Amino acid sequence: MAGMSSAWWAFQECGWPSWLSLLAGLGGLALSMIALGAALFRARAAVLLSWLALSVALLPAALGAIGMTIGRARMDRAIASGFVDPSQLARIREEGYREAGSCVAVGGAFTALPLCFAIAALAAAHSLRKRSV
């Protein structure tokens, strides 16, 4: 149960980019499963659909990296404002960068399963296409 609470904590620490990563991950998963089904049923558009699914599956990881960049920039602006106690700067920066880094973990987690399905769909589409030609 500790793993679940740490995953939820990382999701909360990241903030709104977590929700975008979740949405992109669910969309990528749905598209990847559709692409896999199309490849298994030897649909004509299976290869194109598989490549599209692969690119959408990578979107949560990209959103996680963008979220980390936004979080770090926000932290740097807060520190540069001059309202932070100078003796606490290093601790605050370290904590802020750690929280911003949780966006990458969240994005990576939401990328993993759709990416696996998209790669399987692409492999199946190419394999079945070469056999039927």
N, C-alpha and C. Protein backbone atom coordinates (compact mmCIF):
# COMPACT_ATOMS: atom_id res chain seq x y z
N MET A 1 0.82 -1.18 0.00
CA MET A 1 0.00 0.00 0.00
C MET A 1 0.86 1.26 0.00
N ALA A 2 2.12 1.12 0.42
CA ALA A 2 3.01 2.29 0.45
C ALA A 2 3.30 2.79 -0.95
N GLY A 3 3.37 1.88 -1.92
CA GLY A 3 3.62 2.28 -3.30
C GLY A 3 2.47 3.11 -3.86
N MET A 4 1.26 2.75 -3.50
CA MET A 4 0.09 3.49 -3.97
C MET A 4 0.06 4.89 -3.40
N SER A 5 0.40 5.03 -2.13
CA SER A 5 0.37 6.36 -1.53
C SER A 5 1.50 7.23 -2.08
N SER A 6 2.64 6.65 -2.40
CA SER A 6 3.72 7.45 -2.97
C SER A 6 3.39 7.86 -4.40
N ALA A 7 2.69 7.00 -5.13
CA ALA A 7 2.27 7.36 -6.49
C ALA A 7 1.26 8.49 -6.44
N TRP A 8 0.32 8.42 -5.51
CA TRP A 8 -0.67 9.49 -5.36
C TRP A 8 0.01 10.78 -4.92
N TRP A 9 1.01 10.66 -4.05
CA TRP A 9 1.74 11.84 -3.60
C TRP A 9 2.47 12.50 -4.77
N ALA A 10 3.09 11.72 -5.62
CA ALA A 10 3.78 12.26 -6.80
C ALA A 10 2.78 12.93 -7.73
N PHE A 11 1.62 12.33 -7.90
CA PHE A 11 0.57 12.91 -8.74
C PHE A 11 0.15 14.27 -8.20
N GLN A 12 -0.01 14.37 -6.89
CA GLN A 12 -0.41 15.64 -6.26
C GLN A 12 0.71 16.67 -6.33
N GLU A 13 1.94 16.25 -6.11
CA GLU A 13 3.06 17.19 -6.14
C GLU A 13 3.23 17.83 -7.51
N CYS A 14 2.97 17.08 -8.55
CA CYS A 14 3.14 17.60 -9.91
C CYS A 14 2.11 18.68 -10.21
N GLY A 15 0.90 18.51 -9.74
CA GLY A 15 -0.13 19.51 -9.97
C GLY A 15 -0.91 19.27 -11.25
N TRP A 16 -1.31 20.37 -11.90
CA TRP A 16 -2.17 20.25 -13.08
C TRP A 16 -1.54 19.50 -14.25
N PRO A 17 -0.21 19.50 -14.44
CA PRO A 17 0.32 18.68 -15.53
C PRO A 17 0.04 17.18 -15.35
N SER A 18 -0.19 16.75 -14.11
CA SER A 18 -0.55 15.34 -13.87
C SER A 18 -1.86 14.99 -14.55
N TRP A 19 -2.81 15.90 -14.47
CA TRP A 19 -4.11 15.65 -15.07
C TRP A 19 -4.02 15.60 -16.59
N LEU A 20 -3.19 16.47 -17.16
CA LEU A 20 -2.99 16.42 -18.61
C LEU A 20 -2.30 15.12 -19.02
N SER A 21 -1.32 14.69 -18.23
CA SER A 21 -0.64 13.42 -18.51
C SER A 21 -1.61 12.25 -18.41
N LEU A 22 -2.49 12.29 -17.42
CA LEU A 22 -3.49 11.23 -17.26
C LEU A 22 -4.42 11.19 -18.48
N LEU A 23 -4.89 12.35 -18.89
CA LEU A 23 -5.78 12.42 -20.05
C LEU A 23 -5.08 11.92 -21.32
N ALA A 24 -3.85 12.36 -21.52
CA ALA A 24 -3.08 11.91 -22.69
C ALA A 24 -2.79 10.42 -22.61
N GLY A 25 -2.51 9.92 -21.42
CA GLY A 25 -2.25 8.49 -21.25
C GLY A 25 -3.46 7.63 -21.56
N LEU A 26 -4.63 8.08 -21.11
CA LEU A 26 -5.85 7.33 -21.41
C LEU A 26 -6.17 7.37 -22.90
N GLY A 27 -5.98 8.52 -23.51
CA GLY A 27 -6.18 8.62 -24.95
C GLY A 27 -5.19 7.76 -25.72
N GLY A 28 -3.94 7.78 -25.29
CA GLY A 28 -2.92 6.95 -25.92
C GLY A 28 -3.20 5.47 -25.76
N LEU A 29 -3.70 5.08 -24.59
CA LEU A 29 -4.03 3.68 -24.36
C LEU A 29 -5.17 3.24 -25.27
N ALA A 30 -6.20 4.06 -25.36
CA ALA A 30 -7.34 3.72 -26.22
C ALA A 30 -6.90 3.62 -27.68
N LEU A 31 -6.13 4.59 -28.14
CA LEU A 31 -5.68 4.57 -29.52
C LEU A 31 -4.74 3.40 -29.80
N SER A 32 -3.89 3.08 -28.85
CA SER A 32 -2.98 1.95 -29.01
C SER A 32 -3.73 0.62 -29.09
N MET A 33 -4.77 0.49 -28.29
CA MET A 33 -5.55 -0.75 -28.33
C MET A 33 -6.34 -0.84 -29.64
N ILE A 34 -6.83 0.28 -30.12
CA ILE A 34 -7.52 0.27 -31.42
C ILE A 34 -6.54 -0.08 -32.53
N ALA A 35 -5.33 0.47 -32.46
CA ALA A 35 -4.31 0.16 -33.47
C ALA A 35 -3.92 -1.31 -33.42
N LEU A 36 -3.82 -1.87 -32.24
CA LEU A 36 -3.49 -3.29 -32.12
C LEU A 36 -4.61 -4.15 -32.70
N GLY A 37 -5.84 -3.78 -32.42
CA GLY A 37 -6.97 -4.51 -33.00
C GLY A 37 -6.99 -4.41 -34.51
N ALA A 38 -6.70 -3.22 -35.04
CA ALA A 38 -6.66 -3.04 -36.49
C ALA A 38 -5.55 -3.87 -37.10
N ALA A 39 -4.41 -3.94 -36.42
CA ALA A 39 -3.29 -4.74 -36.94
C ALA A 39 -3.63 -6.22 -36.94
N LEU A 40 -4.29 -6.68 -35.88
CA LEU A 40 -4.62 -8.11 -35.79
C LEU A 40 -5.70 -8.51 -36.80
N PHE A 41 -6.57 -7.56 -37.14
CA PHE A 41 -7.61 -7.84 -38.14
C PHE A 41 -7.17 -7.44 -39.55
N ARG A 42 -5.89 -7.10 -39.66
CA ARG A 42 -5.26 -6.81 -40.95
C ARG A 42 -5.95 -5.68 -41.71
N ALA A 43 -6.28 -4.64 -40.99
CA ALA A 43 -6.89 -3.47 -41.62
C ALA A 43 -5.84 -2.74 -42.45
N ARG A 44 -6.28 -2.06 -43.48
CA ARG A 44 -5.34 -1.37 -44.37
C ARG A 44 -4.60 -0.24 -43.66
N ALA A 45 -5.27 0.44 -42.78
CA ALA A 45 -4.68 1.61 -42.12
C ALA A 45 -3.93 1.25 -40.84
N ALA A 46 -3.66 -0.01 -40.61
CA ALA A 46 -3.07 -0.44 -39.35
C ALA A 46 -1.68 0.15 -39.12
N VAL A 47 -0.87 0.22 -40.15
CA VAL A 47 0.49 0.75 -39.98
C VAL A 47 0.44 2.23 -39.62
N LEU A 48 -0.34 2.99 -40.37
CA LEU A 48 -0.48 4.42 -40.08
C LEU A 48 -1.08 4.65 -38.70
N LEU A 49 -2.09 3.89 -38.38
CA LEU A 49 -2.73 4.01 -37.07
C LEU A 49 -1.75 3.64 -35.95
N SER A 50 -0.91 2.66 -36.19
CA SER A 50 0.08 2.25 -35.18
C SER A 50 1.12 3.34 -34.95
N TRP A 51 1.56 3.98 -36.02
CA TRP A 51 2.51 5.09 -35.86
C TRP A 51 1.87 6.26 -35.12
N LEU A 52 0.61 6.53 -35.41
CA LEU A 52 -0.11 7.59 -34.71
C LEU A 52 -0.25 7.24 -33.23
N ALA A 53 -0.57 5.99 -32.94
CA ALA A 53 -0.69 5.54 -31.55
C ALA A 53 0.64 5.66 -30.82
N LEU A 54 1.72 5.35 -31.52
CA LEU A 54 3.05 5.46 -30.91
C LEU A 54 3.36 6.91 -30.54
N SER A 55 3.03 7.82 -31.42
CA SER A 55 3.32 9.23 -31.12
C SER A 55 2.43 9.76 -30.00
N VAL A 56 1.17 9.34 -29.97
CA VAL A 56 0.28 9.78 -28.89
C VAL A 56 0.68 9.13 -27.57
N ALA A 57 1.19 7.91 -27.62
CA ALA A 57 1.61 7.22 -26.39
C ALA A 57 2.79 7.93 -25.73
N LEU A 58 3.60 8.63 -26.50
CA LEU A 58 4.75 9.35 -25.94
C LEU A 58 4.37 10.72 -25.38
N LEU A 59 3.15 11.15 -25.63
CA LEU A 59 2.71 12.47 -25.19
C LEU A 59 2.74 12.67 -23.66
N PRO A 60 2.31 11.70 -22.84
CA PRO A 60 2.38 11.92 -21.39
C PRO A 60 3.80 12.17 -20.88
N ALA A 61 4.79 11.51 -21.46
CA ALA A 61 6.18 11.74 -21.05
C ALA A 61 6.61 13.16 -21.40
N ALA A 62 6.20 13.62 -22.57
CA ALA A 62 6.53 14.99 -22.97
C ALA A 62 5.83 16.00 -22.05
N LEU A 63 4.59 15.72 -21.71
CA LEU A 63 3.87 16.61 -20.79
C LEU A 63 4.52 16.61 -19.40
N GLY A 64 5.05 15.47 -18.98
CA GLY A 64 5.77 15.41 -17.70
C GLY A 64 7.02 16.27 -17.72
N ALA A 65 7.75 16.23 -18.82
CA ALA A 65 8.95 17.07 -18.94
C ALA A 65 8.59 18.56 -18.97
N ILE A 66 7.51 18.88 -19.66
CA ILE A 66 7.06 20.28 -19.68
C ILE A 66 6.61 20.71 -18.29
N GLY A 67 5.91 19.84 -17.60
CA GLY A 67 5.48 20.15 -16.23
C GLY A 67 6.65 20.38 -15.29
N MET A 68 7.70 19.57 -15.45
CA MET A 68 8.90 19.75 -14.63
C MET A 68 9.54 21.11 -14.93
N THR A 69 9.62 21.47 -16.18
CA THR A 69 10.21 22.75 -16.56
C THR A 69 9.41 23.92 -15.99
N ILE A 70 8.09 23.82 -16.07
CA ILE A 70 7.23 24.87 -15.52
C ILE A 70 7.40 24.95 -14.00
N GLY A 71 7.43 23.80 -13.34
CA GLY A 71 7.60 23.79 -11.88
C GLY A 71 8.94 24.37 -11.44
N ARG A 72 10.00 24.04 -12.15
CA ARG A 72 11.31 24.59 -11.81
C ARG A 72 11.37 26.10 -12.05
N ALA A 73 10.77 26.55 -13.15
CA ALA A 73 10.75 27.98 -13.43
C ALA A 73 9.96 28.73 -12.36
N ARG A 74 8.85 28.15 -11.94
CA ARG A 74 8.05 28.77 -10.88
C ARG A 74 8.84 28.83 -9.57
N MET A 75 9.60 27.77 -9.28
CA MET A 75 10.41 27.75 -8.06
C MET A 75 11.51 28.81 -8.13
N ASP A 76 12.17 28.91 -9.27
CA ASP A 76 13.24 29.90 -9.43
C ASP A 76 12.71 31.32 -9.30
N ARG A 77 11.51 31.58 -9.83
CA ARG A 77 10.91 32.91 -9.68
C ARG A 77 10.58 33.20 -8.23
N ALA A 78 10.09 32.20 -7.51
CA ALA A 78 9.75 32.40 -6.10
C ALA A 78 11.00 32.69 -5.27
N ILE A 79 12.07 32.01 -5.57
CA ILE A 79 13.32 32.23 -4.83
C ILE A 79 13.91 33.60 -5.17
N ALA A 80 13.81 33.97 -6.44
CA ALA A 80 14.39 35.24 -6.87
C ALA A 80 13.58 36.44 -6.40
N SER A 81 12.38 36.23 -5.89
CA SER A 81 11.53 37.35 -5.47
C SER A 81 12.11 38.11 -4.28
N GLY A 82 12.97 37.46 -3.51
CA GLY A 82 13.59 38.12 -2.37
C GLY A 82 12.82 37.97 -1.07
N PHE A 83 11.69 37.28 -1.10
CA PHE A 83 10.88 37.10 0.11
C PHE A 83 11.23 35.82 0.86
N VAL A 84 12.24 35.11 0.40
CA VAL A 84 12.64 33.85 1.02
C VAL A 84 13.83 34.10 1.92
N ASP A 85 13.78 33.48 3.10
CA ASP A 85 14.88 33.59 4.04
C ASP A 85 16.15 33.00 3.41
N PRO A 86 17.24 33.77 3.32
CA PRO A 86 18.46 33.28 2.66
C PRO A 86 19.02 31.99 3.26
N SER A 87 18.79 31.76 4.55
CA SER A 87 19.29 30.54 5.16
C SER A 87 18.50 29.30 4.71
N GLN A 88 17.33 29.51 4.14
CA GLN A 88 16.47 28.41 3.71
C GLN A 88 16.47 28.18 2.19
N LEU A 89 17.24 28.99 1.45
CA LEU A 89 17.22 28.92 -0.01
C LEU A 89 17.54 27.53 -0.55
N ALA A 90 18.60 26.92 -0.06
CA ALA A 90 19.01 25.61 -0.58
C ALA A 90 17.96 24.55 -0.30
N ARG A 91 17.40 24.56 0.90
CA ARG A 91 16.39 23.56 1.26
C ARG A 91 15.12 23.75 0.42
N ILE A 92 14.70 24.99 0.25
CA ILE A 92 13.50 25.26 -0.53
C ILE A 92 13.71 24.90 -2.00
N ARG A 93 14.86 25.24 -2.54
CA ARG A 93 15.15 24.91 -3.93
C ARG A 93 15.16 23.39 -4.13
N GLU A 94 15.80 22.68 -3.21
CA GLU A 94 15.86 21.22 -3.32
C GLU A 94 14.46 20.60 -3.27
N GLU A 95 13.64 21.06 -2.36
CA GLU A 95 12.27 20.54 -2.23
C GLU A 95 11.43 20.89 -3.47
N GLY A 96 11.57 22.10 -3.95
CA GLY A 96 10.82 22.52 -5.14
C GLY A 96 11.22 21.75 -6.38
N TYR A 97 12.51 21.52 -6.55
CA TYR A 97 12.98 20.75 -7.70
C TYR A 97 12.55 19.29 -7.60
N ARG A 98 12.50 18.75 -6.38
CA ARG A 98 12.03 17.38 -6.19
C ARG A 98 10.55 17.27 -6.56
N GLU A 99 9.76 18.25 -6.13
CA GLU A 99 8.34 18.24 -6.47
C GLU A 99 8.14 18.40 -7.97
N ALA A 100 8.91 19.27 -8.59
CA ALA A 100 8.81 19.46 -10.04
C ALA A 100 9.22 18.19 -10.78
N GLY A 101 10.19 17.47 -10.25
CA GLY A 101 10.65 16.23 -10.87
C GLY A 101 9.62 15.12 -10.82
N SER A 102 8.64 15.23 -9.91
CA SER A 102 7.60 14.21 -9.85
C SER A 102 6.75 14.20 -11.12
N CYS A 103 6.72 15.30 -11.84
CA CYS A 103 5.97 15.34 -13.11
C CYS A 103 6.56 14.36 -14.12
N VAL A 104 7.87 14.21 -14.12
CA VAL A 104 8.50 13.27 -15.05
C VAL A 104 8.12 11.83 -14.67
N ALA A 105 8.07 11.54 -13.39
CA ALA A 105 7.68 10.19 -12.95
C ALA A 105 6.22 9.91 -13.32
N VAL A 106 5.37 10.88 -13.13
CA VAL A 106 3.95 10.71 -13.47
C VAL A 106 3.79 10.53 -14.98
N GLY A 107 4.45 11.37 -15.76
CA GLY A 107 4.37 11.25 -17.22
C GLY A 107 4.90 9.92 -17.71
N GLY A 108 5.99 9.47 -17.12
CA GLY A 108 6.55 8.18 -17.51
C GLY A 108 5.63 7.02 -17.16
N ALA A 109 4.97 7.12 -16.03
CA ALA A 109 4.05 6.06 -15.63
C ALA A 109 2.86 5.97 -16.58
N PHE A 110 2.36 7.12 -17.01
CA PHE A 110 1.21 7.12 -17.93
C PHE A 110 1.62 6.84 -19.37
N THR A 111 2.91 6.80 -19.65
CA THR A 111 3.40 6.48 -20.98
C THR A 111 3.63 4.99 -21.15
N ALA A 112 3.97 4.29 -20.10
CA ALA A 112 4.45 2.91 -20.18
C ALA A 112 3.48 1.96 -20.88
N LEU A 113 2.27 1.85 -20.40
CA LEU A 113 1.33 0.88 -20.96
C LEU A 113 0.89 1.23 -22.39
N PRO A 114 0.52 2.49 -22.67
CA PRO A 114 0.18 2.80 -24.07
C PRO A 114 1.35 2.57 -25.02
N LEU A 115 2.56 2.84 -24.55
CA LEU A 115 3.73 2.64 -25.40
C LEU A 115 3.92 1.15 -25.73
N CYS A 116 3.72 0.29 -24.74
CA CYS A 116 3.83 -1.16 -24.98
C CYS A 116 2.81 -1.62 -26.01
N PHE A 117 1.56 -1.17 -25.87
CA PHE A 117 0.53 -1.55 -26.82
C PHE A 117 0.82 -0.99 -28.21
N ALA A 118 1.31 0.24 -28.28
CA ALA A 118 1.61 0.85 -29.58
C ALA A 118 2.76 0.13 -30.28
N ILE A 119 3.77 -0.26 -29.53
CA ILE A 119 4.89 -1.00 -30.13
C ILE A 119 4.40 -2.37 -30.61
N ALA A 120 3.57 -3.02 -29.82
CA ALA A 120 3.02 -4.32 -30.24
C ALA A 120 2.16 -4.15 -31.49
N ALA A 121 1.38 -3.08 -31.55
CA ALA A 121 0.54 -2.84 -32.72
C ALA A 121 1.40 -2.58 -33.95
N LEU A 122 2.45 -1.81 -33.78
CA LEU A 122 3.33 -1.52 -34.91
C LEU A 122 4.04 -2.78 -35.41
N ALA A 123 4.50 -3.59 -34.48
CA ALA A 123 5.16 -4.84 -34.85
C ALA A 123 4.18 -5.78 -35.56
N ALA A 124 2.97 -5.88 -35.03
CA ALA A 124 1.97 -6.75 -35.65
C ALA A 124 1.57 -6.23 -37.02
N ALA A 125 1.41 -4.94 -37.15
CA ALA A 125 1.01 -4.36 -38.44
C ALA A 125 2.07 -4.60 -39.50
N HIS A 126 3.32 -4.40 -39.16
CA HIS A 126 4.39 -4.64 -40.12
C HIS A 126 4.55 -6.12 -40.44
N SER A 127 4.44 -6.94 -39.43
CA SER A 127 4.59 -8.38 -39.62
C SER A 127 3.48 -8.96 -40.49
N LEU A 128 2.26 -8.58 -40.19
CA LEU A 128 1.13 -9.12 -40.95
C LEU A 128 1.05 -8.52 -42.34
N ARG A 129 1.53 -7.30 -42.51
CA ARG A 129 1.53 -6.67 -43.83
C ARG A 129 2.52 -7.37 -44.76
N LYS A 130 3.67 -7.74 -44.22
CA LYS A 130 4.69 -8.40 -45.06
C LYS A 130 4.24 -9.80 -45.45
N ARG A 131 3.50 -10.47 -44.59
CA ARG A 131 3.03 -11.81 -44.90
C ARG A 131 1.97 -11.80 -45.99
N SER A 132 1.12 -10.79 -45.99
CA SER A 132 0.03 -10.77 -46.95
C SER A 132 0.44 -10.26 -48.33
N VAL A 133 1.62 -9.63 -48.42
CA VAL A 133 2.08 -9.10 -49.71
C VAL A 133 2.68 -10.17 -50.56
